[in-house]
């Protein structure tokens, strides 16, 4: 069965969305979603041995495999369904239909679970719908999937606000310190710091180690995922070997923003040594 929509169809609807023409964009997107869901129902049913995704690039596929430990065969669909559902959610958000937006964005996450912007935007929708537990849970889920410092910092800033609301200021301070380290000058981090300064000035005197230890005691990871950094550097190494220095640099910069330059150098050395010992890589999974 052929996919009934194309990426160009999505881009066409996005033009109206970008111009603010919701009256045209919304029904167009709803029609595309209807066609996509008919196709998904007929041709993309998950099972014990297979699952379907619309990852944006090989890095996301590799990262999903490493983080989720999903043993199934991963099939890449030919159209970015995640983008379609994200566009649909944006249209609904613009009309303040937050329930429909939440449902659409949940599907975007399902089709691309490694896109942390989807997760963070979905978290905000749950917060707007007064579900702060899910807001915090989704923000926390970003920390093991974030592939750049900004996404991780945004997640920590959210969790910091959550701990302020829960009257756990030391954990909130730990979040603020980690967020500041990952993405200096981020407005969400600045907002959290301003709140802590106003409501709990005493925590500023606590050492970093104590604040971060309190955060760990609350069950929150105290650093972004090293597995994600490894995936970024593996893809950067492949890109460099293929002569794509621009992509290799971009991926390395993202890894640096997560774990720092020194750790990245050590990891890159280990990756190259491992590749040298294991010989040629296995062929990639079929789409």
C-alpha atoms as a PDB file:
ATOM      1  CA  UNK A   1       0.000   0.000   0.000  1.00  0.00           C
ATOM      2  CA  UNK A   2       1.441   3.359  -1.032  1.00  0.00           C
ATOM      3  CA  UNK A   3       1.611   6.211   1.467  1.00  0.00           C
ATOM      4  CA  UNK A   4      -1.243   8.548   0.474  1.00  0.00           C
ATOM      5  CA  UNK A   5       0.558  11.779   1.451  1.00  0.00           C
ATOM      6  CA  UNK A   6       3.981  13.247   0.755  1.00  0.00           C
ATOM      7  CA  UNK A   7       6.394  15.498   2.583  1.00  0.00           C
ATOM      8  CA  UNK A   8       5.508  18.153   0.008  1.00  0.00           C
ATOM      9  CA  UNK A   9       1.856  17.947   1.099  1.00  0.00           C
ATOM     10  CA  UNK A  10       2.934  18.657   4.660  1.00  0.00           C
ATOM     11  CA  UNK A  11       5.151  21.547   3.546  1.00  0.00           C
ATOM     12  CA  UNK A  12       2.246  23.037   1.577  1.00  0.00           C
ATOM     13  CA  UNK A  13       0.049  23.093   4.682  1.00  0.00           C
ATOM     14  CA  UNK A  14       2.953  24.475   6.724  1.00  0.00           C
ATOM     15  CA  UNK A  15       3.113  27.509   4.446  1.00  0.00           C
ATOM     16  CA  UNK A  16      -0.389  28.510   5.543  1.00  0.00           C
ATOM     17  CA  UNK A  17       0.449  27.713   9.159  1.00  0.00           C
ATOM     18  CA  UNK A  18       3.549  29.899   9.034  1.00  0.00           C
ATOM     19  CA  UNK A  19       1.593  32.806   7.568  1.00  0.00           C
ATOM     20  CA  UNK A  20      -1.010  32.569  10.330  1.00  0.00           C
ATOM     21  CA  UNK A  21      -3.772  31.390   7.991  1.00  0.00           C
ATOM     22  CA  UNK A  22      -5.262  28.894  10.437  1.00  0.00           C
ATOM     23  CA  UNK A  23      -8.570  28.808   8.584  1.00  0.00           C
ATOM     24  CA  UNK A  24      -6.785  27.196   5.634  1.00  0.00           C
ATOM     25  CA  UNK A  25      -4.037  25.311   7.446  1.00  0.00           C
ATOM     26  CA  UNK A  26      -6.186  23.507  10.018  1.00  0.00           C
ATOM     27  CA  UNK A  27      -8.546  21.641   7.660  1.00  0.00           C
ATOM     28  CA  UNK A  28      -5.640  20.843   5.340  1.00  0.00           C
ATOM     29  CA  UNK A  29      -3.677  19.307   8.197  1.00  0.00           C
ATOM     30  CA  UNK A  30      -6.722  17.475   9.537  1.00  0.00           C
ATOM     31  CA  UNK A  31      -7.270  15.939   6.100  1.00  0.00           C
ATOM     32  CA  UNK A  32      -3.618  14.859   5.906  1.00  0.00           C
ATOM     33  CA  UNK A  33      -3.841  13.342   9.383  1.00  0.00           C
ATOM     34  CA  UNK A  34      -6.974  11.432   8.385  1.00  0.00           C
ATOM     35  CA  UNK A  35      -5.226  10.016   5.297  1.00  0.00           C
ATOM     36  CA  UNK A  36      -2.123   9.198   7.330  1.00  0.00           C
ATOM     37  CA  UNK A  37      -4.101   7.393  10.023  1.00  0.00           C
ATOM     38  CA  UNK A  38      -5.898   5.247   7.469  1.00  0.00           C
ATOM     39  CA  UNK A  39      -2.507   4.250   6.089  1.00  0.00           C
ATOM     40  CA  UNK A  40      -1.028   3.684   9.548  1.00  0.00           C
ATOM     41  CA  UNK A  41      -3.941   1.477  10.530  1.00  0.00           C
ATOM     42  CA  UNK A  42      -3.494  -0.650   7.408  1.00  0.00           C
ATOM     43  CA  UNK A  43       0.276  -0.770   7.001  1.00  0.00           C
ATOM     44  CA  UNK A  44       2.111   0.306  10.173  1.00  0.00           C
ATOM     45  CA  UNK A  45       0.872  -1.904  12.944  1.00  0.00           C
ATOM     46  CA  UNK A  46       3.481  -2.558  15.602  1.00  0.00           C
ATOM     47  CA  UNK A  47       4.103  -6.089  16.791  1.00  0.00           C
ATOM     48  CA  UNK A  48       6.479  -8.134  18.884  1.00  0.00           C
ATOM     49  CA  UNK A  49       9.057  -8.089  16.104  1.00  0.00           C
ATOM     50  CA  UNK A  50       8.583  -4.705  14.405  1.00  0.00           C
ATOM     51  CA  UNK A  51       7.887  -1.038  15.101  1.00  0.00           C
ATOM     52  CA  UNK A  52       7.526   1.945  12.774  1.00  0.00           C
ATOM     53  CA  UNK A  53       9.061   5.386  13.259  1.00  0.00           C
ATOM     54  CA  UNK A  54       9.778   8.609  11.390  1.00  0.00           C
ATOM     55  CA  UNK A  55      13.185   9.536  12.772  1.00  0.00           C
ATOM     56  CA  UNK A  56      14.778  12.636  11.295  1.00  0.00           C
ATOM     57  CA  UNK A  57      18.243  11.127  10.783  1.00  0.00           C
ATOM     58  CA  UNK A  58      20.460   8.102  11.512  1.00  0.00           C
ATOM     59  CA  UNK A  59      21.565   9.594  14.830  1.00  0.00           C
ATOM     60  CA  UNK A  60      18.003   9.528  16.222  1.00  0.00           C
ATOM     61  CA  UNK A  61      17.591   5.917  15.134  1.00  0.00           C
ATOM     62  CA  UNK A  62      20.876   4.925  16.777  1.00  0.00           C
ATOM     63  CA  UNK A  63      20.046   6.888  19.929  1.00  0.00           C
ATOM     64  CA  UNK A  64      16.618   5.265  20.202  1.00  0.00           C
ATOM     65  CA  UNK A  65      18.154   1.822  19.905  1.00  0.00           C
ATOM     66  CA  UNK A  66      20.763   2.598  22.558  1.00  0.00           C
ATOM     67  CA  UNK A  67      18.472   4.383  25.048  1.00  0.00           C
ATOM     68  CA  UNK A  68      15.293   2.352  24.720  1.00  0.00           C
ATOM     69  CA  UNK A  69      16.934  -1.055  24.237  1.00  0.00           C
ATOM     70  CA  UNK A  70      14.116  -1.926  21.823  1.00  0.00           C
ATOM     71  CA  UNK A  71      15.014  -5.297  20.237  1.00  0.00           C
ATOM     72  CA  UNK A  72      12.426  -5.057  17.462  1.00  0.00           C
ATOM     73  CA  UNK A  73      13.158  -4.327  13.819  1.00  0.00           C
ATOM     74  CA  UNK A  74      12.807  -0.563  13.365  1.00  0.00           C
ATOM     75  CA  UNK A  75      11.154   0.468  10.119  1.00  0.00           C
ATOM     76  CA  UNK A  76      11.576   4.027   8.883  1.00  0.00           C
ATOM     77  CA  UNK A  77       8.428   5.283   7.124  1.00  0.00           C
ATOM     78  CA  UNK A  78       8.816   7.429   4.027  1.00  0.00           C
ATOM     79  CA  UNK A  79       6.937  10.486   5.302  1.00  0.00           C
ATOM     80  CA  UNK A  80       7.640  12.483   8.504  1.00  0.00           C
ATOM     81  CA  UNK A  81       4.463  11.625  10.388  1.00  0.00           C
ATOM     82  CA  UNK A  82       5.958  13.173  13.522  1.00  0.00           C
ATOM     83  CA  UNK A  83       6.211  16.530  11.759  1.00  0.00           C
ATOM     84  CA  UNK A  84       2.622  16.273  10.535  1.00  0.00           C
ATOM     85  CA  UNK A  85       1.307  15.675  14.052  1.00  0.00           C
ATOM     86  CA  UNK A  86       3.514  18.441  15.442  1.00  0.00           C
ATOM     87  CA  UNK A  87       2.093  20.864  12.849  1.00  0.00           C
ATOM     88  CA  UNK A  88      -1.413  19.740  13.763  1.00  0.00           C
ATOM     89  CA  UNK A  89      -0.669  20.390  17.426  1.00  0.00           C
ATOM     90  CA  UNK A  90       0.649  23.872  16.648  1.00  0.00           C
ATOM     91  CA  UNK A  91      -2.545  24.697  14.762  1.00  0.00           C
ATOM     92  CA  UNK A  92      -4.634  23.588  17.733  1.00  0.00           C
ATOM     93  CA  UNK A  93      -2.429  25.483  20.201  1.00  0.00           C
ATOM     94  CA  UNK A  94      -2.931  28.639  18.148  1.00  0.00           C
ATOM     95  CA  UNK A  95      -6.668  28.147  18.627  1.00  0.00           C
ATOM     96  CA  UNK A  96      -6.258  27.358  22.354  1.00  0.00           C
ATOM     97  CA  UNK A  97      -7.588  23.841  21.852  1.00  0.00           C
ATOM     98  CA  UNK A  98      -5.090  22.332  24.254  1.00  0.00           C
ATOM     99  CA  UNK A  99      -6.713  18.909  24.559  1.00  0.00           C
ATOM    100  CA  UNK A 100      -6.580  18.307  20.797  1.00  0.00           C
ATOM    101  CA  UNK A 101      -3.057  19.735  20.732  1.00  0.00           C
ATOM    102  CA  UNK A 102      -1.991  17.355  23.494  1.00  0.00           C
ATOM    103  CA  UNK A 103      -3.400  14.387  21.613  1.00  0.00           C
ATOM    104  CA  UNK A 104      -1.689  15.397  18.371  1.00  0.00           C
ATOM    105  CA  UNK A 105       1.653  16.088  20.017  1.00  0.00           C
ATOM    106  CA  UNK A 106       1.488  12.749  21.835  1.00  0.00           C
ATOM    107  CA  UNK A 107       1.415  11.163  18.384  1.00  0.00           C
ATOM    108  CA  UNK A 108       4.400  13.248  17.301  1.00  0.00           C
ATOM    109  CA  UNK A 109       6.328  11.820  20.271  1.00  0.00           C
ATOM    110  CA  UNK A 110       5.179   8.312  19.391  1.00  0.00           C
ATOM    111  CA  UNK A 111       6.522   8.657  15.829  1.00  0.00           C
ATOM    112  CA  UNK A 112       9.774  10.270  16.919  1.00  0.00           C
ATOM    113  CA  UNK A 113      10.444   9.584  20.597  1.00  0.00           C
ATOM    114  CA  UNK A 114      13.950  11.099  20.349  1.00  0.00           C
ATOM    115  CA  UNK A 115      12.778  14.609  19.447  1.00  0.00           C
ATOM    116  CA  UNK A 116      13.046  16.347  22.806  1.00  0.00           C
ATOM    117  CA  UNK A 117      11.331  19.521  21.613  1.00  0.00           C
ATOM    118  CA  UNK A 118       8.157  17.488  21.115  1.00  0.00           C
ATOM    119  CA  UNK A 119       8.449  16.112  24.644  1.00  0.00           C
ATOM    120  CA  UNK A 120       9.071  19.531  26.160  1.00  0.00           C
ATOM    121  CA  UNK A 121       6.198  21.140  24.256  1.00  0.00           C
ATOM    122  CA  UNK A 122       3.937  18.262  25.267  1.00  0.00           C
ATOM    123  CA  UNK A 123       5.004  18.790  28.871  1.00  0.00           C
ATOM    124  CA  UNK A 124       3.883  22.420  28.641  1.00  0.00           C
ATOM    125  CA  UNK A 125       0.504  21.325  27.316  1.00  0.00           C
ATOM    126  CA  UNK A 126       0.039  18.993  30.278  1.00  0.00           C
ATOM    127  CA  UNK A 127       0.967  21.860  32.560  1.00  0.00           C
ATOM    128  CA  UNK A 128      -1.586  24.105  30.828  1.00  0.00           C
ATOM    129  CA  UNK A 129      -4.147  21.363  31.487  1.00  0.00           C
ATOM    130  CA  UNK A 130      -3.158  21.313  35.204  1.00  0.00           C
ATOM    131  CA  UNK A 131      -1.431  17.933  35.061  1.00  0.00           C
ATOM    132  CA  UNK A 132       1.807  18.924  36.750  1.00  0.00           C
ATOM    133  CA  UNK A 133       2.866  15.346  37.453  1.00  0.00           C
ATOM    134  CA  UNK A 134       2.939  14.549  33.739  1.00  0.00           C
ATOM    135  CA  UNK A 135       4.645  17.889  33.079  1.00  0.00           C
ATOM    136  CA  UNK A 136       7.435  16.855  35.447  1.00  0.00           C
ATOM    137  CA  UNK A 137       7.567  13.262  34.195  1.00  0.00           C
ATOM    138  CA  UNK A 138       7.956  14.335  30.566  1.00  0.00           C
ATOM    139  CA  UNK A 139      10.587  16.897  31.519  1.00  0.00           C
ATOM    140  CA  UNK A 140      12.475  14.199  33.410  1.00  0.00           C
ATOM    141  CA  UNK A 141      12.246  11.850  30.414  1.00  0.00           C
ATOM    142  CA  UNK A 142      14.107  14.416  28.325  1.00  0.00           C
ATOM    143  CA  UNK A 143      17.276  14.091  30.417  1.00  0.00           C
ATOM    144  CA  UNK A 144      18.117  10.607  29.133  1.00  0.00           C
ATOM    145  CA  UNK A 145      17.306  11.605  25.546  1.00  0.00           C
ATOM    146  CA  UNK A 146      18.535  15.199  25.187  1.00  0.00           C
ATOM    147  CA  UNK A 147      21.077  15.594  22.396  1.00  0.00           C
ATOM    148  CA  UNK A 148      22.009  19.212  23.093  1.00  0.00           C
ATOM    149  CA  UNK A 149      22.551  21.309  26.186  1.00  0.00           C
ATOM    150  CA  UNK A 150      19.604  23.606  25.544  1.00  0.00           C
ATOM    151  CA  UNK A 151      17.008  20.831  25.679  1.00  0.00           C
ATOM    152  CA  UNK A 152      18.537  19.403  28.850  1.00  0.00           C
ATOM    153  CA  UNK A 153      18.654  22.876  30.435  1.00  0.00           C
ATOM    154  CA  UNK A 154      14.998  23.458  29.588  1.00  0.00           C
ATOM    155  CA  UNK A 155      14.100  20.141  31.231  1.00  0.00           C
ATOM    156  CA  UNK A 156      16.068  21.026  34.371  1.00  0.00           C
ATOM    157  CA  UNK A 157      14.425  24.461  34.494  1.00  0.00           C
ATOM    158  CA  UNK A 158      10.995  22.815  34.354  1.00  0.00           C
ATOM    159  CA  UNK A 159      11.920  20.421  37.123  1.00  0.00           C
ATOM    160  CA  UNK A 160      13.304  23.291  39.174  1.00  0.00           C
ATOM    161  CA  UNK A 161       9.944  25.049  38.995  1.00  0.00           C
ATOM    162  CA  UNK A 162       8.252  21.770  39.939  1.00  0.00           C
ATOM    163  CA  UNK A 163      10.447  21.416  43.028  1.00  0.00           C
ATOM    164  CA  UNK A 164       9.793  25.053  43.959  1.00  0.00           C
ATOM    165  CA  UNK A 165       6.074  24.341  43.823  1.00  0.00           C
ATOM    166  CA  UNK A 166       6.632  21.202  45.931  1.00  0.00           C
ATOM    167  CA  UNK A 167       8.655  23.208  48.486  1.00  0.00           C
ATOM    168  CA  UNK A 168      11.906  21.342  47.875  1.00  0.00           C
ATOM    169  CA  UNK A 169      14.099  24.394  47.260  1.00  0.00           C
ATOM    170  CA  UNK A 170      17.466  22.641  47.512  1.00  0.00           C
ATOM    171  CA  UNK A 171      16.535  20.258  44.677  1.00  0.00           C
ATOM    172  CA  UNK A 172      15.241  23.248  42.709  1.00  0.00           C
ATOM    173  CA  UNK A 173      18.604  24.924  43.252  1.00  0.00           C
ATOM    174  CA  UNK A 174      20.359  21.810  41.969  1.00  0.00           C
ATOM    175  CA  UNK A 175      18.247  22.004  38.826  1.00  0.00           C
ATOM    176  CA  UNK A 176      19.099  25.672  38.371  1.00  0.00           C
ATOM    177  CA  UNK A 177      22.841  25.058  38.727  1.00  0.00           C
ATOM    178  CA  UNK A 178      22.845  22.215  36.209  1.00  0.00           C
ATOM    179  CA  UNK A 179      20.690  24.174  33.773  1.00  0.00           C
ATOM    180  CA  UNK A 180      22.993  27.177  34.050  1.00  0.00           C
ATOM    181  CA  UNK A 181      25.999  24.971  33.329  1.00  0.00           C
ATOM    182  CA  UNK A 182      24.372  23.486  30.223  1.00  0.00           C
ATOM    183  CA  UNK A 183      22.860  26.612  28.677  1.00  0.00           C
ATOM    184  CA  UNK A 184      23.985  29.947  30.135  1.00  0.00           C
ATOM    185  CA  UNK A 185      21.568  32.853  29.607  1.00  0.00           C
ATOM    186  CA  UNK A 186      18.597  30.592  28.908  1.00  0.00           C
ATOM    187  CA  UNK A 187      15.477  32.602  29.857  1.00  0.00           C
ATOM    188  CA  UNK A 188      13.796  29.667  31.620  1.00  0.00           C
ATOM    189  CA  UNK A 189      16.858  29.160  33.776  1.00  0.00           C
ATOM    190  CA  UNK A 190      17.008  32.864  34.551  1.00  0.00           C
ATOM    191  CA  UNK A 191      13.350  32.765  35.558  1.00  0.00           C
ATOM    192  CA  UNK A 192      13.997  29.844  37.915  1.00  0.00           C
ATOM    193  CA  UNK A 193      17.005  31.570  39.468  1.00  0.00           C
ATOM    194  CA  UNK A 194      14.999  34.766  39.981  1.00  0.00           C
ATOM    195  CA  UNK A 195      12.267  32.787  41.729  1.00  0.00           C
ATOM    196  CA  UNK A 196      14.761  31.033  44.001  1.00  0.00           C
ATOM    197  CA  UNK A 197      16.436  34.342  44.805  1.00  0.00           C
ATOM    198  CA  UNK A 198      13.098  35.829  45.810  1.00  0.00           C
ATOM    199  CA  UNK A 199      11.516  32.882  47.621  1.00  0.00           C
ATOM    200  CA  UNK A 200      14.505  30.901  48.963  1.00  0.00           C
ATOM    201  CA  UNK A 201      17.628  33.097  49.059  1.00  0.00           C
ATOM    202  CA  UNK A 202      19.182  30.793  51.630  1.00  0.00           C
ATOM    203  CA  UNK A 203      19.827  27.969  49.129  1.00  0.00           C
ATOM    204  CA  UNK A 204      22.308  30.121  47.209  1.00  0.00           C
ATOM    205  CA  UNK A 205      24.728  29.635  50.099  1.00  0.00           C
ATOM    206  CA  UNK A 206      24.659  25.847  49.801  1.00  0.00           C
ATOM    207  CA  UNK A 207      27.570  24.200  47.953  1.00  0.00           C
ATOM    208  CA  UNK A 208      26.985  22.728  44.499  1.00  0.00           C
ATOM    209  CA  UNK A 209      27.619  19.206  45.712  1.00  0.00           C
ATOM    210  CA  UNK A 210      24.894  19.372  48.338  1.00  0.00           C
ATOM    211  CA  UNK A 211      22.322  20.818  45.919  1.00  0.00           C
ATOM    212  CA  UNK A 212      23.069  18.233  43.241  1.00  0.00           C
ATOM    213  CA  UNK A 213      23.035  15.422  45.806  1.00  0.00           C
ATOM    214  CA  UNK A 214      19.560  16.495  46.898  1.00  0.00           C
ATOM    215  CA  UNK A 215      18.450  16.408  43.277  1.00  0.00           C
ATOM    216  CA  UNK A 216      19.807  12.876  42.915  1.00  0.00           C
ATOM    217  CA  UNK A 217      17.981  11.894  46.122  1.00  0.00           C
ATOM    218  CA  UNK A 218      14.761  12.973  44.396  1.00  0.00           C
ATOM    219  CA  UNK A 219      15.465  10.471  41.620  1.00  0.00           C
ATOM    220  CA  UNK A 220      16.514  12.986  38.960  1.00  0.00           C
ATOM    221  CA  UNK A 221      19.561  12.319  36.742  1.00  0.00           C
ATOM    222  CA  UNK A 222      22.275  14.830  37.564  1.00  0.00           C
ATOM    223  CA  UNK A 223      23.795  14.906  34.086  1.00  0.00           C
ATOM    224  CA  UNK A 224      22.588  14.365  30.524  1.00  0.00           C
ATOM    225  CA  UNK A 225      22.964  10.884  29.076  1.00  0.00           C
ATOM    226  CA  UNK A 226      26.479   9.735  28.215  1.00  0.00           C
ATOM    227  CA  UNK A 227      24.860   7.208  25.858  1.00  0.00           C
ATOM    228  CA  UNK A 228      23.473  10.080  23.793  1.00  0.00           C
ATOM    229  CA  UNK A 229      26.900  11.723  23.672  1.00  0.00           C
ATOM    230  CA  UNK A 230      28.376   8.434  22.466  1.00  0.00           C
ATOM    231  CA  UNK A 231      25.760   8.213  19.700  1.00  0.00           C
ATOM    232  CA  UNK A 232      26.495  11.778  18.606  1.00  0.00           C
ATOM    233  CA  UNK A 233      30.224  11.081  18.485  1.00  0.00           C
ATOM    234  CA  UNK A 234      29.760   7.781  16.649  1.00  0.00           C
ATOM    235  CA  UNK A 235      27.751   9.595  13.982  1.00  0.00           C
ATOM    236  CA  UNK A 236      30.312  12.427  13.943  1.00  0.00           C
ATOM    237  CA  UNK A 237      33.088   9.897  13.381  1.00  0.00           C
ATOM    238  CA  UNK A 238      31.148   8.298  10.526  1.00  0.00           C
ATOM    239  CA  UNK A 239      30.512  11.720   8.987  1.00  0.00           C
ATOM    240  CA  UNK A 240      34.183  12.677   9.233  1.00  0.00           C
ATOM    241  CA  UNK A 241      35.221   9.372   7.656  1.00  0.00           C
ATOM    242  CA  UNK A 242      32.754  10.071   4.822  1.00  0.00           C
ATOM    243  CA  UNK A 243      34.257  13.516   4.271  1.00  0.00           C
ATOM    244  CA  UNK A 244      31.305  15.481   5.687  1.00  0.00           C
ATOM    245  CA  UNK A 245      33.290  17.730   8.009  1.00  0.00           C
ATOM    246  CA  UNK A 246      30.406  20.172   8.515  1.00  0.00           C
ATOM    247  CA  UNK A 247      28.070  17.492   9.874  1.00  0.00           C
ATOM    248  CA  UNK A 248      30.866  15.988  11.961  1.00  0.00           C
ATOM    249  CA  UNK A 249      31.509  19.375  13.549  1.00  0.00           C
ATOM    250  CA  UNK A 250      27.825  20.001  14.290  1.00  0.00           C
ATOM    251  CA  UNK A 251      27.422  16.623  15.972  1.00  0.00           C
ATOM    252  CA  UNK A 252      30.611  17.064  17.990  1.00  0.00           C
ATOM    253  CA  UNK A 253      29.514  20.504  19.188  1.00  0.00           C
ATOM    254  CA  UNK A 254      26.243  18.997  20.405  1.00  0.00           C
ATOM    255  CA  UNK A 255      28.115  16.275  22.283  1.00  0.00           C
ATOM    256  CA  UNK A 256      30.428  18.902  23.804  1.00  0.00           C
ATOM    257  CA  UNK A 257      27.408  20.824  25.068  1.00  0.00           C
ATOM    258  CA  UNK A 258      26.263  17.722  26.929  1.00  0.00           C
ATOM    259  CA  UNK A 259      29.388  16.257  28.494  1.00  0.00           C
ATOM    260  CA  UNK A 260      32.223  18.727  27.833  1.00  0.00           C
ATOM    261  CA  UNK A 261      35.187  18.735  25.484  1.00  0.00           C
ATOM    262  CA  UNK A 262      37.506  16.592  27.606  1.00  0.00           C
ATOM    263  CA  UNK A 263      34.958  13.779  27.921  1.00  0.00           C
ATOM    264  CA  UNK A 264      34.204  14.024  24.196  1.00  0.00           C
ATOM    265  CA  UNK A 265      37.881  13.613  23.308  1.00  0.00           C
ATOM    266  CA  UNK A 266      38.125  10.519  25.502  1.00  0.00           C
ATOM    267  CA  UNK A 267      34.924   9.033  24.085  1.00  0.00           C
ATOM    268  CA  UNK A 268      35.967   9.705  20.484  1.00  0.00           C
ATOM    269  CA  UNK A 269      39.270   7.922  21.126  1.00  0.00           C
ATOM    270  CA  UNK A 270      37.439   4.910  22.563  1.00  0.00           C
ATOM    271  CA  UNK A 271      35.012   4.837  19.611  1.00  0.00           C
ATOM    272  CA  UNK A 272      37.850   4.834  17.085  1.00  0.00           C
ATOM    273  CA  UNK A 273      39.784   2.177  19.016  1.00  0.00           C
ATOM    274  CA  UNK A 274      36.669   0.006  19.241  1.00  0.00           C
ATOM    275  CA  UNK A 275      35.942   0.411  15.531  1.00  0.00           C
ATOM    276  CA  UNK A 276      39.530  -0.526  14.701  1.00  0.00           C
ATOM    277  CA  UNK A 277      39.337  -3.674  16.812  1.00  0.00           C
ATOM    278  CA  UNK A 278      35.908  -4.813  15.559  1.00  0.00           C
ATOM    279  CA  UNK A 279      36.546  -4.270  11.842  1.00  0.00           C
ATOM    280  CA  UNK A 280      33.918  -3.118   9.299  1.00  0.00           C
ATOM    281  CA  UNK A 281      30.523  -2.218  10.734  1.00  0.00           C
ATOM    282  CA  UNK A 282      27.508  -4.390  10.098  1.00  0.00           C
ATOM    283  CA  UNK A 283      25.160  -3.326   7.355  1.00  0.00           C
ATOM    284  CA  UNK A 284      22.347  -1.078   8.588  1.00  0.00           C
ATOM    285  CA  UNK A 285      18.849  -2.403   9.134  1.00  0.00           C
ATOM    286  CA  UNK A 286      16.588  -2.256   6.140  1.00  0.00           C
ATOM    287  CA  UNK A 287      13.880   0.379   5.938  1.00  0.00           C
END
